[in-house]
Amino acid sequence: LLGTDYLDLYLIHWPAAQGETTTWQALNSGTWRALEDLYLQGRVRAIGLSNFLPHHMVPLLARARIVPMVNSIEFHPGYLQRPAVKFCREHGISVIGWSPLGRGALLNDPTLRRIAAAHGRTVPQVCLRWSLEHGVVPVVKSLSPAHLKENADIFGFTLPIEDMRAIDQIPLSGFSGLDPDHVSF
């Protein structure tokens, strides 16, 4: 169907989190079991989660044979999700950050603009570098070859601790509004 013998990464996109607690926990665990089976069969090289918060992961990990390799969460200046990132680190789960530019809402943030200008970089480059320095792998979307090239050019600089702290203090902004406990697709 997909024209490949395996997938590199397969994620549960959103946690089941509504209704009776034992029901959604069992649904997440059952879905995870299916991913574990695919991994053990060699059909998937890595398995993980997306949009899971600590209270979703605790019951899943209690039943898991394999610890998720990644958790993809919304992560950007103005939306750090510290508890989820901390939990993942403590359990050896790599964090992938989606929407690292806050859906474009951060492009005119004065703190980010000031820091970008001081380093001779763009705001997107600063956001992506900030994410990496937090140990979160940013996943950015672009159809523009120029933006793709710009986004890849984030390894020639680092952000001093005072810049990291200033960015960490940006108030809630760019949040998608998608709450894993209430989203319904």
N, C-alpha and C. Protein backbone atom coordinates (compact mmCIF):
# COMPACT_ATOMS: atom_id res chain seq x y z
N LEU A 1 0.81 -1.20 0.00
CA LEU A 1 0.00 0.00 0.00
C LEU A 1 0.86 1.27 0.00
N LEU A 2 1.84 1.31 0.90
CA LEU A 2 2.69 2.50 0.99
C LEU A 2 3.95 2.38 0.14
N GLY A 3 4.19 1.22 -0.42
CA GLY A 3 5.37 1.04 -1.26
C GLY A 3 6.66 0.91 -0.46
N THR A 4 6.57 0.47 0.78
CA THR A 4 7.75 0.27 1.61
C THR A 4 7.54 -0.94 2.50
N ASP A 5 8.63 -1.55 2.92
CA ASP A 5 8.54 -2.72 3.80
C ASP A 5 8.43 -2.33 5.27
N TYR A 6 8.71 -1.07 5.57
CA TYR A 6 8.69 -0.62 6.96
C TYR A 6 8.39 0.88 7.02
N LEU A 7 8.06 1.35 8.19
CA LEU A 7 7.92 2.77 8.45
C LEU A 7 9.04 3.17 9.41
N ASP A 8 9.55 4.37 9.25
CA ASP A 8 10.60 4.84 10.16
C ASP A 8 10.03 5.18 11.54
N LEU A 9 8.86 5.80 11.57
CA LEU A 9 8.28 6.23 12.84
C LEU A 9 6.76 6.16 12.73
N TYR A 10 6.15 5.58 13.74
CA TYR A 10 4.69 5.47 13.79
C TYR A 10 4.24 5.98 15.15
N LEU A 11 3.32 6.94 15.16
CA LEU A 11 2.87 7.59 16.39
C LEU A 11 1.38 7.41 16.60
N ILE A 12 0.97 7.38 17.86
CA ILE A 12 -0.44 7.57 18.21
C ILE A 12 -0.63 9.08 18.19
N HIS A 13 -1.47 9.59 17.31
CA HIS A 13 -1.54 11.02 17.07
C HIS A 13 -2.09 11.82 18.25
N TRP A 14 -3.16 11.38 18.86
CA TRP A 14 -3.75 12.05 20.03
C TRP A 14 -4.14 10.97 21.03
N PRO A 15 -4.01 11.27 22.32
CA PRO A 15 -4.44 10.28 23.30
C PRO A 15 -5.96 10.21 23.36
N ALA A 16 -6.48 9.02 23.62
CA ALA A 16 -7.89 8.93 24.01
C ALA A 16 -7.91 9.48 25.43
N ALA A 17 -8.76 10.44 25.71
CA ALA A 17 -8.74 11.08 27.02
C ALA A 17 -10.12 11.49 27.50
N GLN A 18 -11.15 11.01 26.85
CA GLN A 18 -12.50 11.43 27.23
C GLN A 18 -13.30 10.23 27.71
N GLY A 19 -14.27 10.52 28.55
CA GLY A 19 -15.13 9.47 29.08
C GLY A 19 -14.56 8.86 30.35
N GLU A 20 -15.00 7.66 30.65
CA GLU A 20 -14.56 6.94 31.84
C GLU A 20 -13.04 6.72 31.80
N THR A 21 -12.37 7.02 32.89
CA THR A 21 -10.91 6.95 32.95
C THR A 21 -10.37 5.58 32.53
N THR A 22 -10.92 4.51 33.09
CA THR A 22 -10.39 3.18 32.76
C THR A 22 -10.61 2.84 31.29
N THR A 23 -11.67 3.38 30.69
CA THR A 23 -11.94 3.12 29.28
C THR A 23 -10.89 3.77 28.39
N TRP A 24 -10.61 5.08 28.61
CA TRP A 24 -9.63 5.74 27.74
C TRP A 24 -8.23 5.22 28.00
N GLN A 25 -7.93 4.86 29.24
CA GLN A 25 -6.61 4.29 29.52
C GLN A 25 -6.44 2.95 28.80
N ALA A 26 -7.48 2.13 28.81
CA ALA A 26 -7.43 0.84 28.12
C ALA A 26 -7.30 1.03 26.61
N LEU A 27 -7.99 2.02 26.06
CA LEU A 27 -7.90 2.30 24.63
C LEU A 27 -6.48 2.72 24.24
N ASN A 28 -5.88 3.62 25.03
CA ASN A 28 -4.50 4.03 24.75
C ASN A 28 -3.55 2.84 24.86
N SER A 29 -3.72 2.02 25.90
CA SER A 29 -2.84 0.86 26.09
C SER A 29 -3.01 -0.16 24.97
N GLY A 30 -4.24 -0.38 24.54
CA GLY A 30 -4.49 -1.33 23.45
C GLY A 30 -3.89 -0.85 22.14
N THR A 31 -4.01 0.44 21.89
CA THR A 31 -3.42 1.01 20.68
C THR A 31 -1.89 0.92 20.75
N TRP A 32 -1.35 1.20 21.93
CA TRP A 32 0.09 1.11 22.10
C TRP A 32 0.57 -0.32 21.89
N ARG A 33 -0.19 -1.29 22.38
CA ARG A 33 0.17 -2.70 22.21
C ARG A 33 0.29 -3.04 20.72
N ALA A 34 -0.63 -2.51 19.90
CA ALA A 34 -0.57 -2.76 18.46
C ALA A 34 0.70 -2.17 17.86
N LEU A 35 1.11 -0.97 18.31
CA LEU A 35 2.35 -0.37 17.82
C LEU A 35 3.56 -1.18 18.28
N GLU A 36 3.53 -1.65 19.51
CA GLU A 36 4.62 -2.49 20.01
C GLU A 36 4.77 -3.75 19.14
N ASP A 37 3.64 -4.36 18.79
CA ASP A 37 3.68 -5.57 17.95
C ASP A 37 4.31 -5.26 16.59
N LEU A 38 3.93 -4.14 15.98
CA LEU A 38 4.52 -3.75 14.70
C LEU A 38 6.03 -3.53 14.83
N TYR A 39 6.43 -2.92 15.93
CA TYR A 39 7.85 -2.68 16.18
C TYR A 39 8.59 -4.02 16.34
N LEU A 40 8.04 -4.90 17.15
CA LEU A 40 8.68 -6.20 17.39
C LEU A 40 8.74 -7.06 16.13
N GLN A 41 7.81 -6.84 15.20
CA GLN A 41 7.82 -7.55 13.92
C GLN A 41 8.79 -6.93 12.92
N GLY A 42 9.37 -5.79 13.28
CA GLY A 42 10.31 -5.11 12.38
C GLY A 42 9.63 -4.30 11.30
N ARG A 43 8.35 -4.10 11.42
CA ARG A 43 7.61 -3.35 10.39
C ARG A 43 7.69 -1.84 10.63
N VAL A 44 8.09 -1.47 11.84
CA VAL A 44 8.23 -0.07 12.23
C VAL A 44 9.56 0.05 12.97
N ARG A 45 10.35 1.04 12.61
CA ARG A 45 11.67 1.20 13.25
C ARG A 45 11.62 1.95 14.57
N ALA A 46 10.62 2.78 14.75
CA ALA A 46 10.46 3.52 16.00
C ALA A 46 8.97 3.79 16.21
N ILE A 47 8.57 3.78 17.48
CA ILE A 47 7.17 4.04 17.82
C ILE A 47 7.11 5.13 18.89
N GLY A 48 6.01 5.85 18.87
CA GLY A 48 5.91 6.92 19.85
C GLY A 48 4.51 7.48 19.95
N LEU A 49 4.47 8.61 20.60
CA LEU A 49 3.22 9.28 20.94
C LEU A 49 3.22 10.68 20.36
N SER A 50 2.05 11.25 20.32
CA SER A 50 1.93 12.65 19.93
C SER A 50 0.83 13.26 20.79
N ASN A 51 1.17 14.38 21.39
CA ASN A 51 0.21 15.14 22.20
C ASN A 51 -0.16 14.45 23.51
N PHE A 52 0.66 13.54 23.99
CA PHE A 52 0.42 12.89 25.27
C PHE A 52 1.03 13.72 26.39
N LEU A 53 0.27 13.94 27.43
CA LEU A 53 0.73 14.64 28.62
C LEU A 53 1.08 13.60 29.69
N PRO A 54 1.77 14.01 30.75
CA PRO A 54 2.16 13.02 31.76
C PRO A 54 1.01 12.14 32.26
N HIS A 55 -0.16 12.71 32.49
CA HIS A 55 -1.26 11.89 33.02
C HIS A 55 -1.81 10.90 31.99
N HIS A 56 -1.46 11.08 30.73
CA HIS A 56 -1.79 10.07 29.71
C HIS A 56 -0.71 8.99 29.65
N MET A 57 0.54 9.41 29.88
CA MET A 57 1.66 8.48 29.74
C MET A 57 1.83 7.55 30.94
N VAL A 58 1.51 8.01 32.14
CA VAL A 58 1.71 7.17 33.33
C VAL A 58 0.98 5.84 33.21
N PRO A 59 -0.33 5.80 32.93
CA PRO A 59 -0.99 4.50 32.82
C PRO A 59 -0.51 3.69 31.61
N LEU A 60 -0.14 4.37 30.53
CA LEU A 60 0.36 3.67 29.36
C LEU A 60 1.69 2.98 29.68
N LEU A 61 2.59 3.70 30.34
CA LEU A 61 3.89 3.13 30.69
C LEU A 61 3.76 1.97 31.67
N ALA A 62 2.75 2.01 32.52
CA ALA A 62 2.55 0.93 33.49
C ALA A 62 2.25 -0.39 32.79
N ARG A 63 1.69 -0.34 31.59
CA ARG A 63 1.33 -1.55 30.84
C ARG A 63 2.24 -1.82 29.65
N ALA A 64 3.10 -0.89 29.32
CA ALA A 64 3.91 -0.99 28.10
C ALA A 64 5.03 -2.01 28.25
N ARG A 65 5.30 -2.70 27.16
CA ARG A 65 6.47 -3.56 27.06
C ARG A 65 7.66 -2.75 26.58
N ILE A 66 7.38 -1.73 25.77
CA ILE A 66 8.40 -0.88 25.18
C ILE A 66 8.07 0.57 25.52
N VAL A 67 9.07 1.29 26.02
CA VAL A 67 8.88 2.71 26.32
C VAL A 67 8.79 3.47 25.00
N PRO A 68 7.84 4.39 24.87
CA PRO A 68 7.77 5.19 23.64
C PRO A 68 9.13 5.85 23.36
N MET A 69 9.50 5.89 22.11
CA MET A 69 10.78 6.49 21.73
C MET A 69 10.67 8.00 21.61
N VAL A 70 9.50 8.49 21.22
CA VAL A 70 9.30 9.94 21.08
C VAL A 70 7.89 10.32 21.54
N ASN A 71 7.76 11.59 21.87
CA ASN A 71 6.45 12.21 22.09
C ASN A 71 6.50 13.54 21.35
N SER A 72 5.64 13.72 20.40
CA SER A 72 5.56 14.94 19.62
C SER A 72 4.50 15.84 20.23
N ILE A 73 4.94 17.01 20.74
CA ILE A 73 4.02 17.92 21.41
C ILE A 73 4.19 19.33 20.84
N GLU A 74 3.18 20.15 21.01
CA GLU A 74 3.31 21.56 20.64
C GLU A 74 4.34 22.17 21.59
N PHE A 75 5.35 22.80 21.02
CA PHE A 75 6.43 23.37 21.83
C PHE A 75 7.03 24.55 21.09
N HIS A 76 6.99 25.71 21.71
CA HIS A 76 7.56 26.92 21.12
C HIS A 76 7.64 28.00 22.18
N PRO A 77 8.40 29.09 21.91
CA PRO A 77 8.37 30.20 22.86
C PRO A 77 6.92 30.61 23.11
N GLY A 78 6.60 30.81 24.35
CA GLY A 78 5.23 31.14 24.69
C GLY A 78 4.37 29.91 24.98
N TYR A 79 4.95 28.72 24.83
CA TYR A 79 4.23 27.47 25.15
C TYR A 79 5.25 26.35 25.35
N LEU A 80 5.85 26.32 26.53
CA LEU A 80 6.97 25.42 26.81
C LEU A 80 6.57 24.01 27.24
N GLN A 81 5.41 23.83 27.78
CA GLN A 81 4.96 22.50 28.24
C GLN A 81 6.02 21.83 29.12
N ARG A 82 6.51 22.55 30.08
CA ARG A 82 7.59 22.06 30.95
C ARG A 82 7.29 20.70 31.60
N PRO A 83 6.08 20.49 32.16
CA PRO A 83 5.84 19.19 32.80
C PRO A 83 5.95 18.01 31.82
N ALA A 84 5.44 18.19 30.61
CA ALA A 84 5.50 17.10 29.62
C ALA A 84 6.94 16.84 29.19
N VAL A 85 7.71 17.90 28.96
CA VAL A 85 9.11 17.74 28.55
C VAL A 85 9.91 17.08 29.67
N LYS A 86 9.69 17.52 30.90
CA LYS A 86 10.40 16.95 32.06
C LYS A 86 10.07 15.46 32.20
N PHE A 87 8.80 15.12 32.10
CA PHE A 87 8.38 13.72 32.23
C PHE A 87 9.05 12.86 31.15
N CYS A 88 9.03 13.35 29.93
CA CYS A 88 9.65 12.59 28.83
C CYS A 88 11.13 12.38 29.09
N ARG A 89 11.83 13.44 29.50
CA ARG A 89 13.27 13.30 29.78
C ARG A 89 13.51 12.25 30.86
N GLU A 90 12.71 12.30 31.91
CA GLU A 90 12.88 11.35 33.03
C GLU A 90 12.65 9.91 32.62
N HIS A 91 11.92 9.70 31.52
CA HIS A 91 11.60 8.35 31.08
C HIS A 91 12.30 7.97 29.78
N GLY A 92 13.28 8.77 29.37
CA GLY A 92 14.05 8.44 28.17
C GLY A 92 13.28 8.58 26.87
N ILE A 93 12.28 9.43 26.86
CA ILE A 93 11.45 9.66 25.68
C ILE A 93 11.91 10.96 25.02
N SER A 94 12.33 10.90 23.78
CA SER A 94 12.74 12.12 23.05
C SER A 94 11.51 12.96 22.75
N VAL A 95 11.69 14.27 22.77
CA VAL A 95 10.58 15.18 22.50
C VAL A 95 10.78 15.84 21.14
N ILE A 96 9.74 15.76 20.33
CA ILE A 96 9.67 16.46 19.05
C ILE A 96 8.70 17.62 19.26
N GLY A 97 9.08 18.81 18.83
CA GLY A 97 8.23 19.98 19.01
C GLY A 97 7.56 20.38 17.71
N TRP A 98 6.22 20.28 17.69
CA TRP A 98 5.52 20.75 16.50
C TRP A 98 5.07 22.19 16.71
N SER A 99 4.87 22.89 15.63
CA SER A 99 4.52 24.31 15.61
C SER A 99 5.58 25.16 16.31
N PRO A 100 6.88 24.98 15.97
CA PRO A 100 7.93 25.69 16.69
C PRO A 100 7.93 27.21 16.49
N LEU A 101 7.14 27.68 15.55
CA LEU A 101 7.03 29.14 15.34
C LEU A 101 5.69 29.66 15.85
N GLY A 102 4.99 28.83 16.62
CA GLY A 102 3.71 29.26 17.17
C GLY A 102 2.71 29.65 16.10
N ARG A 103 2.66 28.85 15.02
CA ARG A 103 1.76 29.10 13.89
C ARG A 103 1.95 30.49 13.31
N GLY A 104 3.19 30.99 13.39
CA GLY A 104 3.53 32.31 12.84
C GLY A 104 3.27 33.46 13.78
N ALA A 105 2.63 33.20 14.90
CA ALA A 105 2.29 34.27 15.85
C ALA A 105 3.52 34.89 16.51
N LEU A 106 4.65 34.19 16.47
CA LEU A 106 5.85 34.68 17.16
C LEU A 106 6.74 35.55 16.27
N LEU A 107 6.43 35.62 15.00
CA LEU A 107 7.32 36.31 14.06
C LEU A 107 7.53 37.78 14.38
N ASN A 108 6.57 38.41 15.05
CA ASN A 108 6.70 39.83 15.38
C ASN A 108 6.89 40.07 16.87
N ASP A 109 7.20 39.02 17.62
CA ASP A 109 7.42 39.19 19.06
C ASP A 109 8.66 40.07 19.27
N PRO A 110 8.53 41.13 20.09
CA PRO A 110 9.66 42.06 20.26
C PRO A 110 10.90 41.41 20.89
N THR A 111 10.72 40.51 21.83
CA THR A 111 11.87 39.84 22.44
C THR A 111 12.61 39.01 21.40
N LEU A 112 11.87 38.24 20.63
CA LEU A 112 12.49 37.40 19.60
C LEU A 112 13.14 38.24 18.51
N ARG A 113 12.50 39.33 18.14
CA ARG A 113 13.07 40.21 17.10
C ARG A 113 14.38 40.84 17.59
N ARG A 114 14.41 41.26 18.85
CA ARG A 114 15.62 41.86 19.42
C ARG A 114 16.76 40.84 19.45
N ILE A 115 16.47 39.65 19.90
CA ILE A 115 17.50 38.60 19.99
C ILE A 115 17.97 38.19 18.60
N ALA A 116 17.05 38.06 17.67
CA ALA A 116 17.42 37.70 16.30
C ALA A 116 18.35 38.77 15.70
N ALA A 117 18.01 40.03 15.88
CA ALA A 117 18.83 41.12 15.34
C ALA A 117 20.23 41.10 15.97
N ALA A 118 20.30 40.83 17.28
CA ALA A 118 21.59 40.81 17.97
C ALA A 118 22.51 39.71 17.45
N HIS A 119 21.93 38.65 16.92
CA HIS A 119 22.73 37.52 16.43
C HIS A 119 22.82 37.48 14.90
N GLY A 120 22.20 38.46 14.25
CA GLY A 120 22.21 38.47 12.78
C GLY A 120 21.45 37.30 12.20
N ARG A 121 20.36 36.93 12.86
CA ARG A 121 19.54 35.78 12.47
C ARG A 121 18.10 36.23 12.31
N THR A 122 17.27 35.31 11.85
CA THR A 122 15.84 35.59 11.73
C THR A 122 15.12 35.06 12.97
N VAL A 123 13.92 35.53 13.18
CA VAL A 123 13.11 35.03 14.30
C VAL A 123 12.89 33.53 14.19
N PRO A 124 12.53 32.99 13.00
CA PRO A 124 12.40 31.54 12.92
C PRO A 124 13.68 30.79 13.31
N GLN A 125 14.82 31.29 12.90
CA GLN A 125 16.07 30.64 13.27
C GLN A 125 16.28 30.66 14.79
N VAL A 126 15.95 31.75 15.42
CA VAL A 126 16.08 31.84 16.88
C VAL A 126 15.12 30.88 17.56
N CYS A 127 13.90 30.80 17.08
CA CYS A 127 12.92 29.86 17.67
C CYS A 127 13.40 28.41 17.54
N LEU A 128 13.90 28.06 16.38
CA LEU A 128 14.37 26.69 16.15
C LEU A 128 15.60 26.38 17.00
N ARG A 129 16.53 27.34 17.08
CA ARG A 129 17.73 27.15 17.89
C ARG A 129 17.36 27.02 19.37
N TRP A 130 16.44 27.87 19.83
CA TRP A 130 15.96 27.83 21.21
C TRP A 130 15.40 26.45 21.53
N SER A 131 14.62 25.91 20.61
CA SER A 131 14.04 24.58 20.80
C SER A 131 15.15 23.53 20.95
N LEU A 132 16.11 23.56 20.05
CA LEU A 132 17.23 22.61 20.12
C LEU A 132 17.99 22.72 21.44
N GLU A 133 18.19 23.96 21.88
CA GLU A 133 18.94 24.15 23.12
C GLU A 133 18.14 23.68 24.34
N HIS A 134 16.84 23.54 24.18
CA HIS A 134 16.01 22.92 25.22
C HIS A 134 15.97 21.40 25.07
N GLY A 135 16.66 20.88 24.08
CA GLY A 135 16.68 19.43 23.87
C GLY A 135 15.45 18.91 23.16
N VAL A 136 14.72 19.79 22.51
CA VAL A 136 13.51 19.42 21.78
C VAL A 136 13.79 19.58 20.29
N VAL A 137 13.50 18.53 19.52
CA VAL A 137 13.74 18.56 18.08
C VAL A 137 12.56 19.25 17.41
N PRO A 138 12.79 20.42 16.82
CA PRO A 138 11.67 21.13 16.18
C PRO A 138 11.33 20.54 14.81
N VAL A 139 10.05 20.46 14.53
CA VAL A 139 9.58 20.03 13.22
C VAL A 139 8.85 21.22 12.61
N VAL A 140 9.43 21.74 11.55
CA VAL A 140 8.88 22.94 10.92
C VAL A 140 8.38 22.58 9.53
N LYS A 141 7.34 23.26 9.14
CA LYS A 141 6.73 23.01 7.83
C LYS A 141 6.97 24.22 6.94
N SER A 142 7.39 23.96 5.71
CA SER A 142 7.54 25.04 4.74
C SER A 142 7.53 24.45 3.34
N LEU A 143 6.94 25.17 2.44
CA LEU A 143 6.96 24.81 1.02
C LEU A 143 7.97 25.65 0.26
N SER A 144 8.49 26.67 0.92
CA SER A 144 9.42 27.60 0.28
C SER A 144 10.86 27.07 0.38
N PRO A 145 11.54 26.88 -0.75
CA PRO A 145 12.95 26.46 -0.69
C PRO A 145 13.82 27.43 0.12
N ALA A 146 13.54 28.72 0.02
CA ALA A 146 14.32 29.71 0.79
C ALA A 146 14.11 29.52 2.29
N HIS A 147 12.88 29.29 2.70
CA HIS A 147 12.60 29.06 4.13
C HIS A 147 13.21 27.75 4.60
N LEU A 148 13.15 26.72 3.76
CA LEU A 148 13.76 25.44 4.13
C LEU A 148 15.26 25.62 4.37
N LYS A 149 15.92 26.36 3.50
CA LYS A 149 17.36 26.61 3.64
C LYS A 149 17.63 27.43 4.91
N GLU A 150 16.83 28.46 5.12
CA GLU A 150 16.99 29.30 6.32
C GLU A 150 16.79 28.48 7.59
N ASN A 151 15.76 27.62 7.59
CA ASN A 151 15.46 26.80 8.77
C ASN A 151 16.58 25.81 9.08
N ALA A 152 17.29 25.37 8.06
CA ALA A 152 18.38 24.41 8.27
C ALA A 152 19.65 25.09 8.77
N ASP A 153 19.73 26.41 8.65
CA ASP A 153 20.94 27.14 9.03
C ASP A 153 20.86 27.62 10.48
N ILE A 154 20.75 26.67 11.39
CA ILE A 154 20.62 27.02 12.82
C ILE A 154 21.74 26.42 13.68
N PHE A 155 22.75 25.86 13.03
CA PHE A 155 23.80 25.19 13.78
C PHE A 155 25.06 26.03 13.93
N GLY A 156 25.08 27.22 13.34
CA GLY A 156 26.27 28.08 13.39
C GLY A 156 26.22 29.10 14.51
N PHE A 157 25.29 28.97 15.43
CA PHE A 157 25.23 29.91 16.55
C PHE A 157 24.57 29.24 17.74
N THR A 158 24.78 29.81 18.89
CA THR A 158 24.10 29.36 20.11
C THR A 158 23.49 30.59 20.77
N LEU A 159 22.57 30.34 21.65
CA LEU A 159 21.92 31.43 22.38
C LEU A 159 22.48 31.48 23.80
N PRO A 160 23.01 32.63 24.21
CA PRO A 160 23.50 32.75 25.59
C PRO A 160 22.35 32.52 26.58
N ILE A 161 22.71 32.14 27.77
CA ILE A 161 21.72 31.82 28.80
C ILE A 161 20.74 32.98 29.04
N GLU A 162 21.23 34.21 28.97
CA GLU A 162 20.32 35.34 29.21
C GLU A 162 19.27 35.46 28.09
N ASP A 163 19.65 35.11 26.86
CA ASP A 163 18.67 35.10 25.76
C ASP A 163 17.68 33.95 25.96
N MET A 164 18.19 32.78 26.35
CA MET A 164 17.30 31.64 26.61
C MET A 164 16.28 31.99 27.69
N ARG A 165 16.75 32.61 28.76
CA ARG A 165 15.84 32.99 29.85
C ARG A 165 14.81 34.01 29.39
N ALA A 166 15.24 34.97 28.59
CA ALA A 166 14.30 35.99 28.08
C ALA A 166 13.23 35.34 27.21
N ILE A 167 13.64 34.41 26.37
CA ILE A 167 12.68 33.72 25.50
C ILE A 167 11.75 32.84 26.33
N ASP A 168 12.30 32.18 27.35
CA ASP A 168 11.48 31.35 28.24
C ASP A 168 10.39 32.16 28.94
N GLN A 169 10.61 33.45 29.11
CA GLN A 169 9.65 34.30 29.83
C GLN A 169 8.56 34.90 28.93
N ILE A 170 8.62 34.63 27.64
CA ILE A 170 7.58 35.14 26.75
C ILE A 170 6.23 34.59 27.22
N PRO A 171 5.25 35.45 27.43
CA PRO A 171 3.95 34.95 27.91
C PRO A 171 3.24 34.07 26.87
N LEU A 172 2.23 33.37 27.33
CA LEU A 172 1.47 32.47 26.45
C LEU A 172 1.15 33.17 25.13
N SER A 173 1.63 32.57 24.06
CA SER A 173 1.36 33.11 22.73
C SER A 173 1.57 32.01 21.70
N GLY A 174 0.86 32.12 20.60
CA GLY A 174 1.01 31.16 19.52
C GLY A 174 0.41 29.80 19.78
N PHE A 175 -0.26 29.63 20.92
CA PHE A 175 -0.85 28.34 21.29
C PHE A 175 -1.97 27.99 20.33
N SER A 176 -1.97 26.76 19.86
CA SER A 176 -2.97 26.30 18.89
C SER A 176 -4.37 26.21 19.49
N GLY A 177 -4.44 26.09 20.80
CA GLY A 177 -5.73 25.92 21.47
C GLY A 177 -6.16 24.46 21.53
N LEU A 178 -5.33 23.55 21.02
CA LEU A 178 -5.68 22.13 21.02
C LEU A 178 -5.24 21.49 22.34
N ASP A 179 -6.21 21.13 23.15
CA ASP A 179 -5.97 20.52 24.45
C ASP A 179 -6.19 19.01 24.33
N PRO A 180 -5.15 18.20 24.61
CA PRO A 180 -5.29 16.75 24.44
C PRO A 180 -6.43 16.13 25.25
N ASP A 181 -6.87 16.78 26.29
CA ASP A 181 -7.97 16.23 27.10
C ASP A 181 -9.35 16.58 26.54
N HIS A 182 -9.39 17.52 25.59
CA HIS A 182 -10.70 17.96 25.10
C HIS A 182 -10.84 17.98 23.59
N VAL A 183 -9.77 17.68 22.87
CA VAL A 183 -9.85 17.71 21.41
C VAL A 183 -10.71 16.54 20.94
N SER A 184 -11.53 16.80 19.96
CA SER A 184 -12.33 15.71 19.38
C SER A 184 -12.30 15.86 17.87
N PHE A 185 -11.76 14.87 17.23
CA PHE A 185 -11.66 14.88 15.77
C PHE A 185 -12.66 13.91 15.20
